[in-house]
Structure formats: C-alpha cells, structure tokens
Amino acid sequence: MDKIKICEAMYALPGEVVVRRRKSLLIPAVLLVAGVAMLVLNNIYGAGLSNNMRSALVFLGGALALAGMITLAARFFSAEGAPYYRAGRRYLRYDELYFERGLSAEVKECIARGDAGRLFSLPHAQVPAVAVAVYRTPDNRFAAMQAFEYTDLEYRPLTELRIADGQELQTAKN
C-alpha cells in the first residue's frame, strides 16, 4: 500500500480540494514552553518543595520540554506536509482497515459507492487478507480509499483508488 501515491492522486484533484500543508507549530511550542516553565519553577521554588515534588517537576518538565523540542524540530524542518481538506478545513486521517477474505465483495462495493461509513462498520479482522487504505475527514465527508489483497507475499490492488467528496465520486488511476 503506497500512501504517497494516494496523496499524490488527492493533490492532483481539480480545484485543489486537497493540498499539502504543514501542521501547526503551536502545540509543540506550548509543550516546550510548559516544560521549560516547570524546570524554572523547580529552580526558583525548589527549597520550599518536598523531594518528591521536585523530582516530579524535573521529570515532567524535562519530558515535556524534550517532547516539544523534538516535535517542533520535526515539524519545522520537515519538507513533507500532511493532506489538508480545504473545504472542511481539516487534516485528513489515515487508517488501514483489515478484513477477512470472505468480505472482499462487500469491501469492493463500499469502495465503489464511496461509503466510508459502511466500510468502518464492517467487522474488522486481525489478519490483513484484505486491507483498505483510507484517507478521510472525521465525519467521512471526504474519503480516498483503495483496497488491497494480500497474495504471494505482497499487497496487490483489489480496487482502483476511489475519492468521494460529498456526493461526487472520482476514480483515480495509479
């Protein structure tokens, strides 16, 4: 399953329905500032605090600062962006769904109709005999999905990539 090909097909939609966009730097920056603030509070009020409270402040402050720093650097220096659905003003979620081989006809029908809601309601399996790669909005208003079948030690496309935007369906060639 090639997520990059699915993203490229979505980016190629007419009218720039889906664009590549870098995620916000605000949350990692807030994590970094909160972590540094906890470390500073430990240094300022350390004498009046118990040893357990000081240890907790150092541990939590260091963890938050480190997580914020790493996430901020990763988002800032990354050339990649995440798929962003402009009409819904949301980033698209990526899900991989696994189904039993016996449900392949129903899975193909759901993808042909562009019905992501029904696809998620089908019983899932732990073994990926049939796998579906889905980029979607949380409300399933927009969904790009393709089914794959696991045969001969590789995933082979079972369906073409279908893009459902409201009531409009499009088939993208890979």
N, C-alpha and C. Protein backbone atom coordinates (compact mmCIF):
# COMPACT_ATOMS: atom_id res chain seq x y z
N MET A 1 0.84 -1.16 0.00
CA MET A 1 0.00 0.00 0.00
C MET A 1 0.89 1.22 0.00
N ASP A 2 0.74 2.02 -1.00
CA ASP A 2 1.60 3.17 -1.15
C ASP A 2 0.83 4.44 -0.79
N LYS A 3 1.08 4.96 0.41
CA LYS A 3 0.40 6.17 0.87
C LYS A 3 0.78 7.37 0.02
N ILE A 4 2.00 7.37 -0.50
CA ILE A 4 2.47 8.51 -1.29
C ILE A 4 1.67 8.63 -2.58
N LYS A 5 1.37 7.49 -3.24
CA LYS A 5 0.58 7.54 -4.47
C LYS A 5 -0.84 8.02 -4.20
N ILE A 6 -1.40 7.61 -3.08
CA ILE A 6 -2.74 8.07 -2.74
C ILE A 6 -2.73 9.58 -2.49
N CYS A 7 -1.73 10.06 -1.79
CA CYS A 7 -1.63 11.51 -1.53
C CYS A 7 -1.44 12.28 -2.83
N GLU A 8 -0.59 11.79 -3.72
CA GLU A 8 -0.37 12.47 -5.00
C GLU A 8 -1.65 12.54 -5.81
N ALA A 9 -2.46 11.47 -5.79
CA ALA A 9 -3.73 11.48 -6.51
C ALA A 9 -4.69 12.51 -5.90
N MET A 10 -4.69 12.64 -4.58
CA MET A 10 -5.55 13.64 -3.94
C MET A 10 -5.08 15.05 -4.25
N TYR A 11 -3.76 15.26 -4.27
CA TYR A 11 -3.24 16.59 -4.57
C TYR A 11 -3.52 16.99 -6.01
N ALA A 12 -3.69 16.01 -6.89
CA ALA A 12 -3.92 16.28 -8.30
C ALA A 12 -5.39 16.55 -8.63
N LEU A 13 -6.26 16.49 -7.64
CA LEU A 13 -7.68 16.76 -7.89
C LEU A 13 -7.87 18.18 -8.39
N PRO A 14 -8.79 18.39 -9.33
CA PRO A 14 -9.03 19.74 -9.83
C PRO A 14 -9.61 20.64 -8.74
N GLY A 15 -9.21 21.89 -8.76
CA GLY A 15 -9.71 22.85 -7.78
C GLY A 15 -8.99 22.81 -6.45
N GLU A 16 -7.88 22.11 -6.38
CA GLU A 16 -7.09 21.99 -5.16
C GLU A 16 -7.96 21.68 -3.95
N VAL A 17 -8.72 20.59 -4.08
CA VAL A 17 -9.59 20.14 -2.99
C VAL A 17 -8.75 19.73 -1.79
N VAL A 18 -7.66 19.01 -2.06
CA VAL A 18 -6.73 18.58 -1.01
C VAL A 18 -5.36 19.18 -1.34
N VAL A 19 -4.76 19.81 -0.35
CA VAL A 19 -3.44 20.41 -0.53
C VAL A 19 -2.49 19.87 0.54
N ARG A 20 -1.22 19.97 0.26
CA ARG A 20 -0.19 19.59 1.24
C ARG A 20 0.03 20.79 2.15
N ARG A 21 -0.06 20.54 3.44
CA ARG A 21 0.08 21.64 4.39
C ARG A 21 0.84 21.16 5.61
N ARG A 22 1.70 22.01 6.10
CA ARG A 22 2.47 21.69 7.31
C ARG A 22 1.57 21.88 8.53
N LYS A 23 1.64 20.95 9.47
CA LYS A 23 0.84 21.05 10.68
C LYS A 23 1.33 22.20 11.54
N SER A 24 0.47 22.67 12.40
CA SER A 24 0.74 23.83 13.24
C SER A 24 1.94 23.59 14.17
N LEU A 25 2.69 24.65 14.39
CA LEU A 25 3.82 24.59 15.31
C LEU A 25 3.42 25.01 16.72
N LEU A 26 2.15 25.39 16.90
CA LEU A 26 1.69 25.92 18.17
C LEU A 26 1.74 24.90 19.30
N ILE A 27 1.21 23.71 19.09
CA ILE A 27 1.16 22.71 20.16
C ILE A 27 2.56 22.28 20.60
N PRO A 28 3.49 21.97 19.67
CA PRO A 28 4.85 21.65 20.15
C PRO A 28 5.52 22.82 20.88
N ALA A 29 5.24 24.05 20.44
CA ALA A 29 5.82 25.20 21.11
C ALA A 29 5.26 25.35 22.53
N VAL A 30 3.96 25.09 22.69
CA VAL A 30 3.35 25.16 24.02
C VAL A 30 3.93 24.07 24.92
N LEU A 31 4.14 22.87 24.39
CA LEU A 31 4.76 21.79 25.18
C LEU A 31 6.15 22.19 25.65
N LEU A 32 6.93 22.77 24.74
CA LEU A 32 8.29 23.20 25.08
C LEU A 32 8.27 24.27 26.15
N VAL A 33 7.41 25.27 26.01
CA VAL A 33 7.33 26.35 27.00
C VAL A 33 6.85 25.83 28.35
N ALA A 34 5.87 24.92 28.35
CA ALA A 34 5.37 24.36 29.61
C ALA A 34 6.47 23.56 30.32
N GLY A 35 7.23 22.80 29.57
CA GLY A 35 8.32 22.03 30.16
C GLY A 35 9.40 22.92 30.74
N VAL A 36 9.78 23.95 30.00
CA VAL A 36 10.80 24.88 30.50
C VAL A 36 10.28 25.62 31.73
N ALA A 37 8.98 25.98 31.72
CA ALA A 37 8.40 26.67 32.87
C ALA A 37 8.44 25.79 34.12
N MET A 38 8.18 24.50 33.97
CA MET A 38 8.26 23.59 35.12
C MET A 38 9.68 23.49 35.65
N LEU A 39 10.65 23.45 34.76
CA LEU A 39 12.05 23.39 35.20
C LEU A 39 12.46 24.68 35.90
N VAL A 40 11.99 25.82 35.40
CA VAL A 40 12.31 27.11 36.04
C VAL A 40 11.64 27.19 37.41
N LEU A 41 10.38 26.75 37.49
CA LEU A 41 9.70 26.75 38.80
C LEU A 41 10.43 25.86 39.80
N ASN A 42 10.97 24.77 39.37
CA ASN A 42 11.73 23.90 40.25
C ASN A 42 12.96 24.62 40.78
N ASN A 43 13.62 25.38 39.92
CA ASN A 43 14.82 26.10 40.36
C ASN A 43 14.48 27.26 41.28
N ILE A 44 13.37 27.94 41.03
CA ILE A 44 13.01 29.12 41.84
C ILE A 44 12.48 28.69 43.21
N TYR A 45 11.53 27.75 43.22
CA TYR A 45 10.88 27.35 44.47
C TYR A 45 11.36 26.00 44.99
N GLY A 46 12.49 25.56 44.55
CA GLY A 46 12.99 24.23 44.91
C GLY A 46 13.22 24.04 46.40
N ALA A 47 13.66 25.07 47.10
CA ALA A 47 13.96 24.93 48.53
C ALA A 47 12.70 24.67 49.34
N GLY A 48 11.57 25.22 48.92
CA GLY A 48 10.33 25.06 49.67
C GLY A 48 9.53 23.83 49.30
N LEU A 49 9.98 23.09 48.33
CA LEU A 49 9.23 21.92 47.86
C LEU A 49 9.82 20.63 48.44
N SER A 50 8.97 19.63 48.54
CA SER A 50 9.46 18.32 49.00
C SER A 50 10.29 17.67 47.89
N ASN A 51 11.06 16.68 48.28
CA ASN A 51 11.89 15.98 47.29
C ASN A 51 11.07 15.32 46.21
N ASN A 52 9.91 14.75 46.60
CA ASN A 52 9.05 14.11 45.61
C ASN A 52 8.51 15.12 44.60
N MET A 53 8.11 16.30 45.08
CA MET A 53 7.58 17.33 44.19
C MET A 53 8.69 17.84 43.26
N ARG A 54 9.87 18.02 43.78
CA ARG A 54 10.99 18.47 42.94
C ARG A 54 11.31 17.43 41.86
N SER A 55 11.32 16.16 42.26
CA SER A 55 11.59 15.10 41.28
C SER A 55 10.51 15.06 40.21
N ALA A 56 9.25 15.23 40.63
CA ALA A 56 8.15 15.21 39.67
C ALA A 56 8.25 16.39 38.71
N LEU A 57 8.58 17.57 39.23
CA LEU A 57 8.71 18.75 38.36
C LEU A 57 9.85 18.58 37.35
N VAL A 58 10.97 18.04 37.81
CA VAL A 58 12.10 17.83 36.90
C VAL A 58 11.75 16.79 35.84
N PHE A 59 11.15 15.70 36.27
CA PHE A 59 10.81 14.63 35.32
C PHE A 59 9.78 15.12 34.30
N LEU A 60 8.67 15.67 34.78
CA LEU A 60 7.62 16.13 33.86
C LEU A 60 8.10 17.30 33.00
N GLY A 61 8.79 18.23 33.60
CA GLY A 61 9.30 19.38 32.84
C GLY A 61 10.29 18.95 31.78
N GLY A 62 11.20 18.06 32.14
CA GLY A 62 12.17 17.56 31.16
C GLY A 62 11.51 16.78 30.04
N ALA A 63 10.53 15.94 30.40
CA ALA A 63 9.83 15.14 29.37
C ALA A 63 9.04 16.05 28.43
N LEU A 64 8.30 17.01 28.98
CA LEU A 64 7.53 17.93 28.14
C LEU A 64 8.45 18.77 27.25
N ALA A 65 9.52 19.28 27.82
CA ALA A 65 10.44 20.11 27.04
C ALA A 65 11.09 19.28 25.92
N LEU A 66 11.49 18.07 26.23
CA LEU A 66 12.11 17.21 25.22
C LEU A 66 11.12 16.84 24.12
N ALA A 67 9.90 16.46 24.51
CA ALA A 67 8.88 16.11 23.51
C ALA A 67 8.54 17.31 22.65
N GLY A 68 8.39 18.47 23.26
CA GLY A 68 8.10 19.68 22.50
C GLY A 68 9.21 20.06 21.55
N MET A 69 10.47 19.93 22.02
CA MET A 69 11.62 20.27 21.20
C MET A 69 11.74 19.34 19.98
N ILE A 70 11.57 18.05 20.21
CA ILE A 70 11.68 17.08 19.11
C ILE A 70 10.56 17.27 18.10
N THR A 71 9.33 17.41 18.59
CA THR A 71 8.18 17.60 17.69
C THR A 71 8.28 18.91 16.94
N LEU A 72 8.70 19.97 17.61
CA LEU A 72 8.87 21.27 16.96
C LEU A 72 9.93 21.21 15.87
N ALA A 73 11.05 20.57 16.15
CA ALA A 73 12.11 20.44 15.15
C ALA A 73 11.65 19.58 13.98
N ALA A 74 10.95 18.49 14.27
CA ALA A 74 10.47 17.61 13.20
C ALA A 74 9.50 18.34 12.28
N ARG A 75 8.57 19.09 12.86
CA ARG A 75 7.60 19.80 12.04
C ARG A 75 8.22 20.98 11.31
N PHE A 76 9.17 21.66 11.95
CA PHE A 76 9.76 22.85 11.34
C PHE A 76 10.68 22.51 10.18
N PHE A 77 11.49 21.46 10.34
CA PHE A 77 12.47 21.13 9.32
C PHE A 77 11.99 20.10 8.31
N SER A 78 10.79 19.60 8.49
CA SER A 78 10.26 18.61 7.55
C SER A 78 9.80 19.28 6.27
N ALA A 79 10.16 18.70 5.14
CA ALA A 79 9.72 19.22 3.84
C ALA A 79 8.34 18.69 3.50
N GLU A 80 7.95 17.61 4.15
CA GLU A 80 6.67 16.97 3.88
C GLU A 80 5.56 17.74 4.58
N GLY A 81 4.40 17.65 4.02
CA GLY A 81 3.22 18.19 4.65
C GLY A 81 2.19 17.10 4.77
N ALA A 82 1.13 17.39 5.46
CA ALA A 82 0.04 16.43 5.63
C ALA A 82 -1.10 16.82 4.70
N PRO A 83 -1.88 15.85 4.22
CA PRO A 83 -3.02 16.17 3.35
C PRO A 83 -4.07 16.99 4.13
N TYR A 84 -4.47 18.11 3.56
CA TYR A 84 -5.40 19.03 4.19
C TYR A 84 -6.59 19.24 3.27
N TYR A 85 -7.78 18.96 3.77
CA TYR A 85 -9.02 19.11 3.01
C TYR A 85 -9.50 20.54 3.18
N ARG A 86 -9.42 21.32 2.11
CA ARG A 86 -9.69 22.75 2.20
C ARG A 86 -11.14 23.08 2.49
N ALA A 87 -12.08 22.37 1.88
CA ALA A 87 -13.49 22.69 2.08
C ALA A 87 -13.92 22.45 3.53
N GLY A 88 -13.41 21.41 4.13
CA GLY A 88 -13.75 21.09 5.52
C GLY A 88 -12.80 21.71 6.52
N ARG A 89 -11.72 22.31 6.04
CA ARG A 89 -10.69 22.92 6.89
C ARG A 89 -10.17 21.95 7.95
N ARG A 90 -9.80 20.74 7.47
CA ARG A 90 -9.31 19.71 8.37
C ARG A 90 -8.20 18.93 7.71
N TYR A 91 -7.31 18.40 8.55
CA TYR A 91 -6.31 17.46 8.07
C TYR A 91 -6.99 16.11 7.91
N LEU A 92 -6.54 15.35 6.93
CA LEU A 92 -7.12 14.03 6.69
C LEU A 92 -6.45 13.00 7.58
N ARG A 93 -7.26 12.09 8.09
CA ARG A 93 -6.75 10.97 8.89
C ARG A 93 -6.40 9.82 7.97
N TYR A 94 -5.40 9.06 8.36
CA TYR A 94 -5.05 7.86 7.61
C TYR A 94 -5.40 6.65 8.46
N ASP A 95 -6.14 5.72 7.86
CA ASP A 95 -6.50 4.48 8.54
C ASP A 95 -6.21 3.31 7.62
N GLU A 96 -5.79 2.20 8.20
CA GLU A 96 -5.69 0.94 7.48
C GLU A 96 -6.65 -0.02 8.13
N LEU A 97 -7.57 -0.54 7.35
CA LEU A 97 -8.56 -1.47 7.84
C LEU A 97 -8.27 -2.86 7.29
N TYR A 98 -8.44 -3.87 8.11
CA TYR A 98 -8.19 -5.25 7.70
C TYR A 98 -9.49 -6.04 7.78
N PHE A 99 -9.71 -6.87 6.75
CA PHE A 99 -10.92 -7.67 6.66
C PHE A 99 -10.58 -9.10 6.28
N GLU A 100 -11.51 -10.00 6.58
CA GLU A 100 -11.38 -11.39 6.15
C GLU A 100 -11.58 -11.45 4.63
N ARG A 101 -11.01 -12.44 4.01
CA ARG A 101 -11.12 -12.59 2.56
C ARG A 101 -12.58 -12.76 2.10
N GLY A 102 -13.42 -13.32 2.94
CA GLY A 102 -14.83 -13.53 2.59
C GLY A 102 -15.62 -12.23 2.45
N LEU A 103 -15.11 -11.14 3.02
CA LEU A 103 -15.80 -9.85 2.93
C LEU A 103 -15.30 -8.99 1.76
N SER A 104 -14.48 -9.55 0.89
CA SER A 104 -13.89 -8.74 -0.18
C SER A 104 -14.96 -8.17 -1.11
N ALA A 105 -16.05 -8.89 -1.38
CA ALA A 105 -17.10 -8.36 -2.25
C ALA A 105 -17.79 -7.16 -1.61
N GLU A 106 -18.06 -7.23 -0.30
CA GLU A 106 -18.67 -6.10 0.39
C GLU A 106 -17.73 -4.90 0.46
N VAL A 107 -16.46 -5.18 0.67
CA VAL A 107 -15.47 -4.11 0.72
C VAL A 107 -15.39 -3.41 -0.63
N LYS A 108 -15.36 -4.20 -1.71
CA LYS A 108 -15.32 -3.60 -3.06
C LYS A 108 -16.57 -2.77 -3.33
N GLU A 109 -17.71 -3.23 -2.86
CA GLU A 109 -18.96 -2.49 -3.06
C GLU A 109 -18.94 -1.17 -2.29
N CYS A 110 -18.45 -1.19 -1.05
CA CYS A 110 -18.35 0.04 -0.25
C CYS A 110 -17.43 1.06 -0.92
N ILE A 111 -16.33 0.58 -1.46
CA ILE A 111 -15.39 1.48 -2.11
C ILE A 111 -15.98 2.01 -3.41
N ALA A 112 -16.67 1.17 -4.16
CA ALA A 112 -17.29 1.60 -5.42
C ALA A 112 -18.33 2.69 -5.16
N ARG A 113 -19.06 2.58 -4.06
CA ARG A 113 -20.07 3.59 -3.70
C ARG A 113 -19.47 4.80 -3.01
N GLY A 114 -18.26 4.67 -2.51
CA GLY A 114 -17.64 5.76 -1.75
C GLY A 114 -18.20 5.86 -0.34
N ASP A 115 -18.67 4.76 0.21
CA ASP A 115 -19.33 4.73 1.51
C ASP A 115 -18.33 4.35 2.61
N ALA A 116 -17.62 5.34 3.11
CA ALA A 116 -16.61 5.09 4.14
C ALA A 116 -17.27 4.72 5.47
N GLY A 117 -18.43 5.27 5.75
CA GLY A 117 -19.12 4.94 7.00
C GLY A 117 -19.46 3.47 7.09
N ARG A 118 -19.99 2.91 6.00
CA ARG A 118 -20.32 1.48 5.99
C ARG A 118 -19.06 0.63 6.05
N LEU A 119 -18.00 1.10 5.41
CA LEU A 119 -16.73 0.37 5.42
C LEU A 119 -16.20 0.23 6.85
N PHE A 120 -16.34 1.29 7.64
CA PHE A 120 -15.87 1.24 9.03
C PHE A 120 -16.78 0.40 9.91
N SER A 121 -18.04 0.20 9.49
CA SER A 121 -18.96 -0.59 10.30
C SER A 121 -18.84 -2.10 10.04
N LEU A 122 -18.17 -2.49 8.95
CA LEU A 122 -17.97 -3.91 8.68
C LEU A 122 -17.07 -4.52 9.75
N PRO A 123 -17.23 -5.83 10.03
CA PRO A 123 -16.37 -6.46 11.05
C PRO A 123 -14.91 -6.52 10.58
N HIS A 124 -14.03 -6.02 11.43
CA HIS A 124 -12.61 -5.98 11.11
C HIS A 124 -11.93 -7.27 11.55
N ALA A 125 -10.81 -7.55 10.93
CA ALA A 125 -10.02 -8.75 11.26
C ALA A 125 -8.64 -8.33 11.74
N GLN A 126 -7.94 -9.25 12.37
CA GLN A 126 -6.58 -9.01 12.81
C GLN A 126 -5.57 -9.38 11.72
N VAL A 127 -5.96 -10.30 10.85
CA VAL A 127 -5.08 -10.76 9.78
C VAL A 127 -5.43 -9.98 8.51
N PRO A 128 -4.46 -9.34 7.88
CA PRO A 128 -4.76 -8.50 6.73
C PRO A 128 -4.90 -9.26 5.41
N ALA A 129 -5.92 -10.09 5.27
CA ALA A 129 -6.16 -10.77 4.00
C ALA A 129 -6.62 -9.76 2.95
N VAL A 130 -7.49 -8.86 3.37
CA VAL A 130 -7.92 -7.73 2.54
C VAL A 130 -7.67 -6.48 3.37
N ALA A 131 -6.90 -5.57 2.85
CA ALA A 131 -6.58 -4.33 3.56
C ALA A 131 -7.10 -3.15 2.76
N VAL A 132 -7.57 -2.15 3.47
CA VAL A 132 -8.07 -0.93 2.82
C VAL A 132 -7.30 0.24 3.41
N ALA A 133 -6.71 1.04 2.53
CA ALA A 133 -6.04 2.27 2.93
C ALA A 133 -7.03 3.41 2.72
N VAL A 134 -7.27 4.20 3.79
CA VAL A 134 -8.28 5.25 3.74
C VAL A 134 -7.69 6.55 4.28
N TYR A 135 -7.81 7.61 3.50
CA TYR A 135 -7.59 8.97 3.97
C TYR A 135 -8.97 9.59 4.05
N ARG A 136 -9.33 10.15 5.22
CA ARG A 136 -10.70 10.65 5.38
C ARG A 136 -10.76 11.78 6.38
N THR A 137 -11.86 12.53 6.31
CA THR A 137 -12.15 13.51 7.33
C THR A 137 -12.85 12.78 8.47
N PRO A 138 -12.86 13.34 9.68
CA PRO A 138 -13.51 12.65 10.80
C PRO A 138 -14.99 12.37 10.57
N ASP A 139 -15.68 13.21 9.80
CA ASP A 139 -17.10 12.99 9.54
C ASP A 139 -17.35 12.20 8.25
N ASN A 140 -16.31 11.69 7.62
CA ASN A 140 -16.36 10.90 6.38
C ASN A 140 -16.96 11.67 5.21
N ARG A 141 -16.95 12.99 5.26
CA ARG A 141 -17.45 13.79 4.14
C ARG A 141 -16.54 13.64 2.92
N PHE A 142 -15.27 13.53 3.17
CA PHE A 142 -14.29 13.30 2.12
C PHE A 142 -13.55 12.03 2.47
N ALA A 143 -13.39 11.15 1.48
CA ALA A 143 -12.64 9.91 1.72
C ALA A 143 -11.97 9.48 0.43
N ALA A 144 -10.72 9.09 0.54
CA ALA A 144 -9.98 8.49 -0.56
C ALA A 144 -9.58 7.10 -0.09
N MET A 145 -10.03 6.07 -0.82
CA MET A 145 -9.82 4.71 -0.34
C MET A 145 -9.49 3.76 -1.47
N GLN A 146 -8.70 2.76 -1.13
CA GLN A 146 -8.31 1.72 -2.07
C GLN A 146 -8.11 0.43 -1.30
N ALA A 147 -8.62 -0.66 -1.88
CA ALA A 147 -8.49 -1.98 -1.25
C ALA A 147 -7.35 -2.75 -1.88
N PHE A 148 -6.69 -3.55 -1.06
CA PHE A 148 -5.57 -4.38 -1.49
C PHE A 148 -5.80 -5.79 -0.97
N GLU A 149 -5.33 -6.75 -1.74
CA GLU A 149 -5.43 -8.15 -1.34
C GLU A 149 -4.02 -8.70 -1.14
N TYR A 150 -3.83 -9.41 -0.05
CA TYR A 150 -2.52 -9.97 0.26
C TYR A 150 -2.39 -11.33 -0.42
N THR A 151 -1.60 -11.39 -1.48
CA THR A 151 -1.35 -12.65 -2.19
C THR A 151 0.12 -12.72 -2.58
N ASP A 152 0.66 -13.89 -2.52
CA ASP A 152 2.05 -14.13 -2.92
C ASP A 152 3.02 -13.17 -2.24
N LEU A 153 2.85 -12.99 -0.94
CA LEU A 153 3.75 -12.20 -0.08
C LEU A 153 3.80 -10.72 -0.44
N GLU A 154 2.75 -10.20 -1.07
CA GLU A 154 2.69 -8.76 -1.35
C GLU A 154 1.24 -8.32 -1.44
N TYR A 155 1.04 -7.02 -1.31
CA TYR A 155 -0.29 -6.45 -1.46
C TYR A 155 -0.51 -6.09 -2.92
N ARG A 156 -1.60 -6.59 -3.48
CA ARG A 156 -1.97 -6.27 -4.85
C ARG A 156 -3.28 -5.50 -4.82
N PRO A 157 -3.41 -4.46 -5.66
CA PRO A 157 -4.65 -3.68 -5.65
C PRO A 157 -5.86 -4.54 -6.00
N LEU A 158 -6.88 -4.45 -5.18
CA LEU A 158 -8.13 -5.14 -5.40
C LEU A 158 -9.13 -4.21 -6.10
N THR A 159 -9.01 -2.91 -5.81
CA THR A 159 -9.85 -1.89 -6.45
C THR A 159 -8.96 -0.74 -6.89
N GLU A 160 -9.52 0.14 -7.68
CA GLU A 160 -8.83 1.38 -8.01
C GLU A 160 -9.05 2.37 -6.87
N LEU A 161 -8.27 3.40 -6.84
CA LEU A 161 -8.42 4.44 -5.82
C LEU A 161 -9.70 5.21 -6.09
N ARG A 162 -10.59 5.26 -5.11
CA ARG A 162 -11.85 5.98 -5.22
C ARG A 162 -11.81 7.17 -4.27
N ILE A 163 -12.21 8.31 -4.78
CA ILE A 163 -12.24 9.53 -3.99
C ILE A 163 -13.68 10.01 -3.94
N ALA A 164 -14.23 10.08 -2.72
CA ALA A 164 -15.61 10.51 -2.52
C ALA A 164 -15.60 11.85 -1.80
N ASP A 165 -16.14 12.86 -2.47
CA ASP A 165 -16.22 14.20 -1.91
C ASP A 165 -17.70 14.58 -1.86
N GLY A 166 -18.33 14.36 -0.72
CA GLY A 166 -19.78 14.58 -0.63
C GLY A 166 -20.50 13.54 -1.46
N GLN A 167 -21.19 13.96 -2.50
CA GLN A 167 -21.92 13.03 -3.35
C GLN A 167 -21.15 12.71 -4.63
N GLU A 168 -20.06 13.40 -4.87
CA GLU A 168 -19.28 13.19 -6.10
C GLU A 168 -18.24 12.10 -5.90
N LEU A 169 -18.20 11.17 -6.84
CA LEU A 169 -17.20 10.09 -6.79
C LEU A 169 -16.24 10.24 -7.96
N GLN A 170 -14.97 9.97 -7.67
CA GLN A 170 -13.95 10.00 -8.71
C GLN A 170 -13.09 8.77 -8.58
N THR A 171 -12.65 8.26 -9.71
CA THR A 171 -11.70 7.16 -9.72
C THR A 171 -10.37 7.70 -10.20
N ALA A 172 -9.34 7.46 -9.44
CA ALA A 172 -8.01 7.94 -9.80
C ALA A 172 -7.18 6.76 -10.30
N LYS A 173 -6.49 6.95 -11.36
CA LYS A 173 -5.60 5.91 -11.90
C LYS A 173 -4.28 6.01 -11.18
N ASN A 174 -3.75 4.86 -10.77
CA ASN A 174 -2.44 4.82 -10.11
C ASN A 174 -1.33 4.70 -11.11
